[in-house]
Amino acid sequence: MGYGTKFAEPGYSQSIAKRIVGFTYAGGDAWGTNFFNLDVLMSDSTDVEACAAGANSPSCAAAGAQELYAVYRRTWSYDQISGNKISFGPINDVKMALGVDYSAKNTTFGPRVRKLRFGPMVGLAVPGYAEVGIELYKESGHNGFSPYPQGGDVTFKTTYVLAADWGIDLASHLKWSGFLDHIGAKGYGTAPETLLDTELMYDVGSMYGAPNKLWAGLEYQYWRNKFGNPYSTTRGAKASTPMVRVEYHF
């Protein structure tokens, strides 16, 4: 669960407060790893939901939008599949990665992001895990103004994404984790997009005899040219958002 007051959305000049409730699963098998995350993002009334009366009507003025954002990641590990250990400088594994993103939001704009990515990554020898790679990237989206390019559905051009994710044990009961994506321009006037999301968390449960159950800490998100919108010409397309974060591990 997270909360921050400095979120941004393309087209909005004001900062937006959001509460985020999420569910995460991370696991592995004989071939590699599986990761799934579902976030429910609840905006304040600055980011107004759509309604039959119109977004600017008094009945909608106090209703913040809600968004669902789901992520699935799958990796296939050479180390695990072959049984052969790789040791080449800082590299300790070679992987193939597959990713799918799916979102929906109940605003008049009505964005619904669909992403598919696939490509090689290398694992790095750190306390915990870290991996970096480059993937092919395909995205489609939607906005509530029609027809495109003013609005409607669009399938963007295939591009690349430079990707990194990590979960590093800094000290006893202290971890640093996160991900970084740099996505190339996708056509239709888009600009290269950078998204960093990282958190520093402390194992609060260890203080009460229940280690790895309750974690708390700080999260930070930086998003430049959000959804490919150039921040130099689109208000709300750049955000720097500190958050507080709490996790409960089942």
C-alpha atoms as a PDB file:
ATOM      1  CA  MET A   1       0.000   0.000   0.000  1.00  0.00           C
ATOM      2  CA  GLY A   2       1.347   3.438  -0.919  1.00  0.00           C
ATOM      3  CA  TYR A   3       0.392   7.100  -0.791  1.00  0.00           C
ATOM      4  CA  GLY A   4       1.790  10.191  -2.502  1.00  0.00           C
ATOM      5  CA  THR A   5       0.613  13.703  -3.352  1.00  0.00           C
ATOM      6  CA  LYS A   6       2.810  14.620  -6.339  1.00  0.00           C
ATOM      7  CA  PHE A   7       1.515  12.342  -9.093  1.00  0.00           C
ATOM      8  CA  ALA A   8       0.942  13.751 -12.580  1.00  0.00           C
ATOM      9  CA  GLU A   9      -1.210  12.884 -15.576  1.00  0.00           C
ATOM     10  CA  PRO A  10      -0.816  14.232 -19.136  1.00  0.00           C
ATOM     11  CA  GLY A  11      -3.156  17.168 -19.638  1.00  0.00           C
ATOM     12  CA  TYR A  12      -3.289  18.181 -15.952  1.00  0.00           C
ATOM     13  CA  SER A  13      -1.265  21.076 -14.564  1.00  0.00           C
ATOM     14  CA  GLN A  14      -2.029  20.277 -10.882  1.00  0.00           C
ATOM     15  CA  SER A  15      -0.399  17.629  -8.738  1.00  0.00           C
ATOM     16  CA  ILE A  16      -2.613  14.617  -7.978  1.00  0.00           C
ATOM     17  CA  ALA A  17      -2.788  12.672  -4.721  1.00  0.00           C
ATOM     18  CA  LYS A  18      -3.205   8.907  -5.085  1.00  0.00           C
ATOM     19  CA  ARG A  19      -3.689   5.964  -2.756  1.00  0.00           C
ATOM     20  CA  ILE A  20      -2.366   2.680  -4.141  1.00  0.00           C
ATOM     21  CA  VAL A  21      -3.406  -0.774  -2.974  1.00  0.00           C
ATOM     22  CA  GLY A  22      -1.516  -3.611  -4.613  1.00  0.00           C
ATOM     23  CA  PHE A  23      -1.125  -7.372  -4.666  1.00  0.00           C
ATOM     24  CA  THR A  24       2.190  -8.926  -5.720  1.00  0.00           C
ATOM     25  CA  TYR A  25       3.209 -12.519  -6.369  1.00  0.00           C
ATOM     26  CA  ALA A  26       6.822 -13.539  -6.996  1.00  0.00           C
ATOM     27  CA  GLY A  27       7.926 -17.136  -7.414  1.00  0.00           C
ATOM     28  CA  GLY A  28      10.108 -19.491  -9.373  1.00  0.00           C
ATOM     29  CA  ASP A  29      10.264 -22.932 -10.951  1.00  0.00           C
ATOM     30  CA  ALA A  30      12.875 -25.148 -12.577  1.00  0.00           C
ATOM     31  CA  TRP A  31      13.066 -22.842 -15.614  1.00  0.00           C
ATOM     32  CA  GLY A  32      13.091 -19.356 -14.118  1.00  0.00           C
ATOM     33  CA  THR A  33      10.832 -16.856 -12.397  1.00  0.00           C
ATOM     34  CA  ASN A  34       7.255 -15.583 -12.445  1.00  0.00           C
ATOM     35  CA  PHE A  35       6.159 -12.148 -11.254  1.00  0.00           C
ATOM     36  CA  PHE A  36       2.651 -10.664 -11.129  1.00  0.00           C
ATOM     37  CA  ASN A  37       1.514  -7.328  -9.726  1.00  0.00           C
ATOM     38  CA  LEU A  38      -1.921  -5.715  -9.645  1.00  0.00           C
ATOM     39  CA  ASP A  39      -2.283  -2.122  -8.449  1.00  0.00           C
ATOM     40  CA  VAL A  40      -5.524  -0.264  -7.751  1.00  0.00           C
ATOM     41  CA  LEU A  41      -4.780   3.468  -7.956  1.00  0.00           C
ATOM     42  CA  MET A  42      -7.329   5.834  -6.418  1.00  0.00           C
ATOM     43  CA  SER A  43      -6.929   9.523  -7.324  1.00  0.00           C
ATOM     44  CA  ASP A  44      -8.227  12.541  -5.450  1.00  0.00           C
ATOM     45  CA  SER A  45     -10.797  14.835  -7.069  1.00  0.00           C
ATOM     46  CA  THR A  46      -8.104  16.617  -9.091  1.00  0.00           C
ATOM     47  CA  ASP A  47      -8.135  13.608 -11.424  1.00  0.00           C
ATOM     48  CA  VAL A  48     -11.896  13.335 -12.008  1.00  0.00           C
ATOM     49  CA  GLU A  49     -13.711  10.169 -13.042  1.00  0.00           C
ATOM     50  CA  ALA A  50     -16.073  10.132 -16.009  1.00  0.00           C
ATOM     51  CA  CYS A  51     -19.814   9.995 -15.436  1.00  0.00           C
ATOM     52  CA  ALA A  52     -23.001  10.235 -17.446  1.00  0.00           C
ATOM     53  CA  ALA A  53     -23.576  13.833 -16.316  1.00  0.00           C
ATOM     54  CA  GLY A  54     -20.179  14.913 -17.603  1.00  0.00           C
ATOM     55  CA  ALA A  55     -16.857  15.205 -15.839  1.00  0.00           C
ATOM     56  CA  ASN A  56     -17.376  18.914 -15.072  1.00  0.00           C
ATOM     57  CA  SER A  57     -20.805  18.557 -13.490  1.00  0.00           C
ATOM     58  CA  PRO A  58     -21.209  19.128  -9.708  1.00  0.00           C
ATOM     59  CA  SER A  59     -22.028  15.457  -9.179  1.00  0.00           C
ATOM     60  CA  CYS A  60     -18.607  14.478 -10.563  1.00  0.00           C
ATOM     61  CA  ALA A  61     -16.521  17.285  -9.090  1.00  0.00           C
ATOM     62  CA  ALA A  62     -15.584  15.403  -5.908  1.00  0.00           C
ATOM     63  CA  ALA A  63     -15.157  11.931  -7.431  1.00  0.00           C
ATOM     64  CA  GLY A  64     -11.559  10.854  -8.010  1.00  0.00           C
ATOM     65  CA  ALA A  65     -10.756   8.379 -10.758  1.00  0.00           C
ATOM     66  CA  GLN A  66      -9.796   4.747 -10.216  1.00  0.00           C
ATOM     67  CA  GLU A  67      -7.259   2.825 -12.257  1.00  0.00           C
ATOM     68  CA  LEU A  68      -6.283  -0.837 -12.489  1.00  0.00           C
ATOM     69  CA  TYR A  69      -2.770  -1.666 -13.645  1.00  0.00           C
ATOM     70  CA  ALA A  70      -1.610  -5.289 -14.004  1.00  0.00           C
ATOM     71  CA  VAL A  71       1.917  -6.478 -14.827  1.00  0.00           C
ATOM     72  CA  TYR A  72       3.157 -10.004 -15.611  1.00  0.00           C
ATOM     73  CA  ARG A  73       6.824 -10.899 -16.089  1.00  0.00           C
ATOM     74  CA  ARG A  74       8.312 -14.295 -16.960  1.00  0.00           C
ATOM     75  CA  THR A  75      12.018 -15.166 -17.241  1.00  0.00           C
ATOM     76  CA  TRP A  76      13.776 -18.281 -18.514  1.00  0.00           C
ATOM     77  CA  SER A  77      17.174 -18.773 -16.882  1.00  0.00           C
ATOM     78  CA  TYR A  78      20.131 -20.436 -18.648  1.00  0.00           C
ATOM     79  CA  ASP A  79      21.588 -21.227 -15.222  1.00  0.00           C
ATOM     80  CA  GLN A  80      18.464 -23.048 -14.043  1.00  0.00           C
ATOM     81  CA  ILE A  81      17.565 -24.802 -17.300  1.00  0.00           C
ATOM     82  CA  SER A  82      21.083 -26.018 -18.148  1.00  0.00           C
ATOM     83  CA  GLY A  83      22.437 -26.520 -14.639  1.00  0.00           C
ATOM     84  CA  ASN A  84      25.607 -24.687 -15.696  1.00  0.00           C
ATOM     85  CA  LYS A  85      26.750 -21.760 -13.593  1.00  0.00           C
ATOM     86  CA  ILE A  86      27.853 -18.597 -15.387  1.00  0.00           C
ATOM     87  CA  SER A  87      30.601 -16.488 -13.872  1.00  0.00           C
ATOM     88  CA  PHE A  88      31.815 -13.689 -16.123  1.00  0.00           C
ATOM     89  CA  GLY A  89      32.805 -10.584 -14.201  1.00  0.00           C
ATOM     90  CA  PRO A  90      29.619  -9.265 -12.549  1.00  0.00           C
ATOM     91  CA  ILE A  91      27.370 -11.494 -14.730  1.00  0.00           C
ATOM     92  CA  ASN A  92      25.992 -14.652 -13.107  1.00  0.00           C
ATOM     93  CA  ASP A  93      23.160 -15.623 -15.488  1.00  0.00           C
ATOM     94  CA  VAL A  94      21.687 -15.086 -18.964  1.00  0.00           C
ATOM     95  CA  LYS A  95      17.905 -14.952 -19.316  1.00  0.00           C
ATOM     96  CA  MET A  96      15.089 -14.416 -21.766  1.00  0.00           C
ATOM     97  CA  ALA A  97      12.296 -12.225 -20.461  1.00  0.00           C
ATOM     98  CA  LEU A  98       8.648 -11.824 -21.469  1.00  0.00           C
ATOM     99  CA  GLY A  99       6.387  -9.080 -20.136  1.00  0.00           C
ATOM    100  CA  VAL A 100       2.738  -8.046 -20.477  1.00  0.00           C
ATOM    101  CA  ASP A 101       1.075  -4.888 -19.071  1.00  0.00           C
ATOM    102  CA  TYR A 102      -2.678  -4.234 -18.991  1.00  0.00           C
ATOM    103  CA  SER A 103      -4.482  -1.201 -17.586  1.00  0.00           C
ATOM    104  CA  ALA A 104      -7.854   0.548 -17.481  1.00  0.00           C
ATOM    105  CA  LYS A 105      -8.986   3.865 -15.991  1.00  0.00           C
ATOM    106  CA  ASN A 106     -12.474   5.368 -15.636  1.00  0.00           C
ATOM    107  CA  THR A 107     -11.792   8.921 -16.808  1.00  0.00           C
ATOM    108  CA  THR A 108     -13.252  10.676 -19.832  1.00  0.00           C
ATOM    109  CA  PHE A 109      -9.850  10.249 -21.477  1.00  0.00           C
ATOM    110  CA  GLY A 110     -10.268   6.488 -20.856  1.00  0.00           C
ATOM    111  CA  PRO A 111      -6.644   5.309 -21.206  1.00  0.00           C
ATOM    112  CA  ARG A 112      -6.093   1.601 -21.536  1.00  0.00           C
ATOM    113  CA  VAL A 113      -2.462   0.652 -21.988  1.00  0.00           C
ATOM    114  CA  ARG A 114      -1.487  -2.704 -23.514  1.00  0.00           C
ATOM    115  CA  LYS A 115       2.221  -3.567 -23.599  1.00  0.00           C
ATOM    116  CA  LEU A 116       4.166  -6.586 -24.840  1.00  0.00           C
ATOM    117  CA  ARG A 117       7.944  -6.938 -24.426  1.00  0.00           C
ATOM    118  CA  PHE A 118      10.452  -9.691 -25.062  1.00  0.00           C
ATOM    119  CA  GLY A 119      14.234  -9.923 -25.053  1.00  0.00           C
ATOM    120  CA  PRO A 120      17.487 -10.959 -23.343  1.00  0.00           C
ATOM    121  CA  MET A 121      18.646  -9.955 -19.876  1.00  0.00           C
ATOM    122  CA  VAL A 122      21.708 -10.722 -17.776  1.00  0.00           C
ATOM    123  CA  GLY A 123      21.738 -11.380 -14.047  1.00  0.00           C
ATOM    124  CA  LEU A 124      24.225  -9.540 -11.856  1.00  0.00           C
ATOM    125  CA  ALA A 125      26.056 -10.874  -8.822  1.00  0.00           C
ATOM    126  CA  VAL A 126      24.697  -8.769  -5.942  1.00  0.00           C
ATOM    127  CA  PRO A 127      23.382  -9.530  -2.435  1.00  0.00           C
ATOM    128  CA  GLY A 128      19.850 -10.383  -3.550  1.00  0.00           C
ATOM    129  CA  TYR A 129      19.196 -10.032  -7.277  1.00  0.00           C
ATOM    130  CA  ALA A 130      19.591  -7.567 -10.139  1.00  0.00           C
ATOM    131  CA  GLU A 131      19.164  -7.878 -13.888  1.00  0.00           C
ATOM    132  CA  VAL A 132      19.518  -5.606 -16.905  1.00  0.00           C
ATOM    133  CA  GLY A 133      18.623  -6.088 -20.547  1.00  0.00           C
ATOM    134  CA  ILE A 134      17.200  -4.783 -23.797  1.00  0.00           C
ATOM    135  CA  GLU A 135      13.831  -5.918 -25.148  1.00  0.00           C
ATOM    136  CA  LEU A 136      11.581  -5.435 -28.152  1.00  0.00           C
ATOM    137  CA  TYR A 137       8.590  -3.370 -27.093  1.00  0.00           C
ATOM    138  CA  LYS A 138       5.087  -3.027 -28.556  1.00  0.00           C
ATOM    139  CA  GLU A 139       2.337  -0.833 -27.116  1.00  0.00           C
ATOM    140  CA  SER A 140      -1.245   0.048 -27.926  1.00  0.00           C
ATOM    141  CA  GLY A 141      -3.455   2.566 -26.162  1.00  0.00           C
ATOM    142  CA  HIS A 142      -6.649   4.565 -26.212  1.00  0.00           C
ATOM    143  CA  ASN A 143      -8.023   7.955 -25.350  1.00  0.00           C
ATOM    144  CA  GLY A 144     -11.594   9.127 -25.255  1.00  0.00           C
ATOM    145  CA  PHE A 145     -11.359  11.694 -28.040  1.00  0.00           C
ATOM    146  CA  SER A 146     -12.011  10.377 -31.538  1.00  0.00           C
ATOM    147  CA  PRO A 147     -10.672   9.983 -34.172  1.00  0.00           C
ATOM    148  CA  TYR A 148      -6.907   9.515 -33.691  1.00  0.00           C
ATOM    149  CA  PRO A 149      -4.519  11.419 -33.562  1.00  0.00           C
ATOM    150  CA  GLN A 150      -6.915  13.585 -31.587  1.00  0.00           C
ATOM    151  CA  GLY A 151      -8.202  10.444 -29.906  1.00  0.00           C
ATOM    152  CA  GLY A 152      -9.370   6.853 -30.198  1.00  0.00           C
ATOM    153  CA  ASP A 153      -7.374   3.629 -30.383  1.00  0.00           C
ATOM    154  CA  VAL A 154      -3.813   3.480 -31.642  1.00  0.00           C
ATOM    155  CA  THR A 155      -1.154   0.806 -32.073  1.00  0.00           C
ATOM    156  CA  PHE A 156       2.278   2.351 -31.770  1.00  0.00           C
ATOM    157  CA  LYS A 157       5.368   1.385 -33.721  1.00  0.00           C
ATOM    158  CA  THR A 158       7.631  -1.341 -32.342  1.00  0.00           C
ATOM    159  CA  THR A 159      10.567   0.092 -30.412  1.00  0.00           C
ATOM    160  CA  TYR A 160      13.031  -0.931 -27.698  1.00  0.00           C
ATOM    161  CA  VAL A 161      13.102  -0.788 -23.926  1.00  0.00           C
ATOM    162  CA  LEU A 162      16.256  -0.685 -21.816  1.00  0.00           C
ATOM    163  CA  ALA A 163      15.246  -2.417 -18.602  1.00  0.00           C
ATOM    164  CA  ALA A 164      16.604  -3.036 -15.138  1.00  0.00           C
ATOM    165  CA  ASP A 165      15.104  -4.408 -11.940  1.00  0.00           C
ATOM    166  CA  TRP A 166      16.646  -5.227  -8.598  1.00  0.00           C
ATOM    167  CA  GLY A 167      16.103  -6.278  -4.996  1.00  0.00           C
ATOM    168  CA  ILE A 168      19.310  -5.754  -3.032  1.00  0.00           C
ATOM    169  CA  ASP A 169      19.901  -6.521   0.642  1.00  0.00           C
ATOM    170  CA  LEU A 170      21.702  -3.457   2.000  1.00  0.00           C
ATOM    171  CA  ALA A 171      21.926  -4.555   5.638  1.00  0.00           C
ATOM    172  CA  SER A 172      20.121  -6.734   8.125  1.00  0.00           C
ATOM    173  CA  HIS A 173      16.370  -6.143   7.666  1.00  0.00           C
ATOM    174  CA  LEU A 174      16.946  -3.369   5.079  1.00  0.00           C
ATOM    175  CA  LYS A 175      16.366  -3.763   1.341  1.00  0.00           C
ATOM    176  CA  TRP A 176      16.501  -1.555  -1.762  1.00  0.00           C
ATOM    177  CA  SER A 177      14.378  -2.603  -4.720  1.00  0.00           C
ATOM    178  CA  GLY A 178      12.831  -1.184  -7.842  1.00  0.00           C
ATOM    179  CA  PHE A 179      12.841  -1.050 -11.631  1.00  0.00           C
ATOM    180  CA  LEU A 180      13.925   1.294 -14.422  1.00  0.00           C
ATOM    181  CA  ASP A 181      12.543   1.365 -17.980  1.00  0.00           C
ATOM    182  CA  HIS A 182      13.737   3.610 -20.791  1.00  0.00           C
ATOM    183  CA  ILE A 183      11.399   3.214 -23.765  1.00  0.00           C
ATOM    184  CA  GLY A 184      12.276   4.517 -27.221  1.00  0.00           C
ATOM    185  CA  ALA A 185      10.002   6.802 -29.242  1.00  0.00           C
ATOM    186  CA  LYS A 186       6.947   4.921 -30.573  1.00  0.00           C
ATOM    187  CA  GLY A 187       5.969   7.123 -33.523  1.00  0.00           C
ATOM    188  CA  TYR A 188       2.956   9.491 -33.742  1.00  0.00           C
ATOM    189  CA  GLY A 189       5.007  12.323 -32.239  1.00  0.00           C
ATOM    190  CA  THR A 190       6.007  10.459 -29.087  1.00  0.00           C
ATOM    191  CA  ALA A 191       9.257  11.040 -27.214  1.00  0.00           C
ATOM    192  CA  PRO A 192      11.541   8.542 -25.419  1.00  0.00           C
ATOM    193  CA  GLU A 193      10.040   7.707 -22.026  1.00  0.00           C
ATOM    194  CA  THR A 194      11.833   7.075 -18.727  1.00  0.00           C
ATOM    195  CA  LEU A 195      10.180   5.494 -15.679  1.00  0.00           C
ATOM    196  CA  LEU A 196      12.009   4.856 -12.401  1.00  0.00           C
ATOM    197  CA  ASP A 197      10.214   3.335  -9.406  1.00  0.00           C
ATOM    198  CA  THR A 198      12.289   2.460  -6.359  1.00  0.00           C
ATOM    199  CA  GLU A 199      11.801   1.905  -2.635  1.00  0.00           C
ATOM    200  CA  LEU A 200      13.886   1.599   0.509  1.00  0.00           C
ATOM    201  CA  MET A 201      12.155  -0.712   2.981  1.00  0.00           C
ATOM    202  CA  TYR A 202      12.751  -1.862   6.565  1.00  0.00           C
ATOM    203  CA  ASP A 203      11.545  -5.173   8.007  1.00  0.00           C
ATOM    204  CA  VAL A 204       9.392  -3.774  10.822  1.00  0.00           C
ATOM    205  CA  GLY A 205       8.081  -7.249  11.683  1.00  0.00           C
ATOM    206  CA  SER A 206      11.576  -8.354  12.732  1.00  0.00           C
ATOM    207  CA  MET A 207      11.273  -6.027  15.720  1.00  0.00           C
ATOM    208  CA  TYR A 208       8.307  -8.054  16.988  1.00  0.00           C
ATOM    209  CA  GLY A 209       9.440 -11.622  16.286  1.00  0.00           C
ATOM    210  CA  ALA A 210       7.752 -11.883  12.853  1.00  0.00           C
ATOM    211  CA  PRO A 211      10.517 -11.304  10.286  1.00  0.00           C
ATOM    212  CA  ASN A 212       9.643 -10.754   6.609  1.00  0.00           C
ATOM    213  CA  LYS A 213       5.974 -10.100   7.358  1.00  0.00           C
ATOM    214  CA  LEU A 214       5.559  -6.332   7.700  1.00  0.00           C
ATOM    215  CA  TRP A 215       7.768  -3.890   5.812  1.00  0.00           C
ATOM    216  CA  ALA A 216       7.599  -0.086   5.794  1.00  0.00           C
ATOM    217  CA  GLY A 217       9.604   2.622   4.097  1.00  0.00           C
ATOM    218  CA  LEU A 218       9.829   5.248   1.392  1.00  0.00           C
ATOM    219  CA  GLU A 219       9.144   4.949  -2.331  1.00  0.00           C
ATOM    220  CA  TYR A 220      10.074   7.315  -5.145  1.00  0.00           C
ATOM    221  CA  GLN A 221       8.793   7.472  -8.711  1.00  0.00           C
ATOM    222  CA  TYR A 222      10.203   9.546 -11.559  1.00  0.00           C
ATOM    223  CA  TRP A 223       8.325   9.536 -14.859  1.00  0.00           C
ATOM    224  CA  ARG A 224       9.540  11.627 -17.801  1.00  0.00           C
ATOM    225  CA  ASN A 225       7.478  11.901 -21.007  1.00  0.00           C
ATOM    226  CA  LYS A 226       4.689   9.783 -19.485  1.00  0.00           C
ATOM    227  CA  PHE A 227       3.099   7.453 -22.075  1.00  0.00           C
ATOM    228  CA  GLY A 228       5.445   9.017 -24.643  1.00  0.00           C
ATOM    229  CA  ASN A 229       3.958  12.528 -24.343  1.00  0.00           C
ATOM    230  CA  PRO A 230       6.785  15.106 -24.605  1.00  0.00           C
ATOM    231  CA  TYR A 231       6.852  16.937 -21.273  1.00  0.00           C
ATOM    232  CA  SER A 232       8.195  20.058 -23.001  1.00  0.00           C
ATOM    233  CA  THR A 233       4.840  20.523 -24.764  1.00  0.00           C
ATOM    234  CA  THR A 234       2.412  18.461 -22.635  1.00  0.00           C
ATOM    235  CA  ARG A 235       1.595  19.581 -19.110  1.00  0.00           C
ATOM    236  CA  GLY A 236       1.535  16.767 -16.575  1.00  0.00           C
ATOM    237  CA  ALA A 237       3.834  14.511 -18.617  1.00  0.00           C
ATOM    238  CA  LYS A 238       6.661  14.684 -16.069  1.00  0.00           C
ATOM    239  CA  ALA A 239       6.403  13.694 -12.410  1.00  0.00           C
ATOM    240  CA  SER A 240       8.706  13.360  -9.419  1.00  0.00           C
ATOM    241  CA  THR A 241       6.717  11.616  -6.691  1.00  0.00           C
ATOM    242  CA  PRO A 242       7.852  10.656  -3.173  1.00  0.00           C
ATOM    243  CA  MET A 243       5.587   8.193  -1.364  1.00  0.00           C
ATOM    244  CA  VAL A 244       5.238   6.296   1.878  1.00  0.00           C
ATOM    245  CA  ARG A 245       4.877   2.534   1.436  1.00  0.00           C
ATOM    246  CA  VAL A 246       3.775  -0.401   3.600  1.00  0.00           C
ATOM    247  CA  GLU A 247       3.962  -4.082   2.590  1.00  0.00           C
ATOM    248  CA  TYR A 248       2.505  -7.176   4.252  1.00  0.00           C
ATOM    249  CA  HIS A 249       4.018 -10.487   3.124  1.00  0.00           C
ATOM    250  CA  PHE A 250       1.778 -13.569   3.287  1.00  0.00           C
END
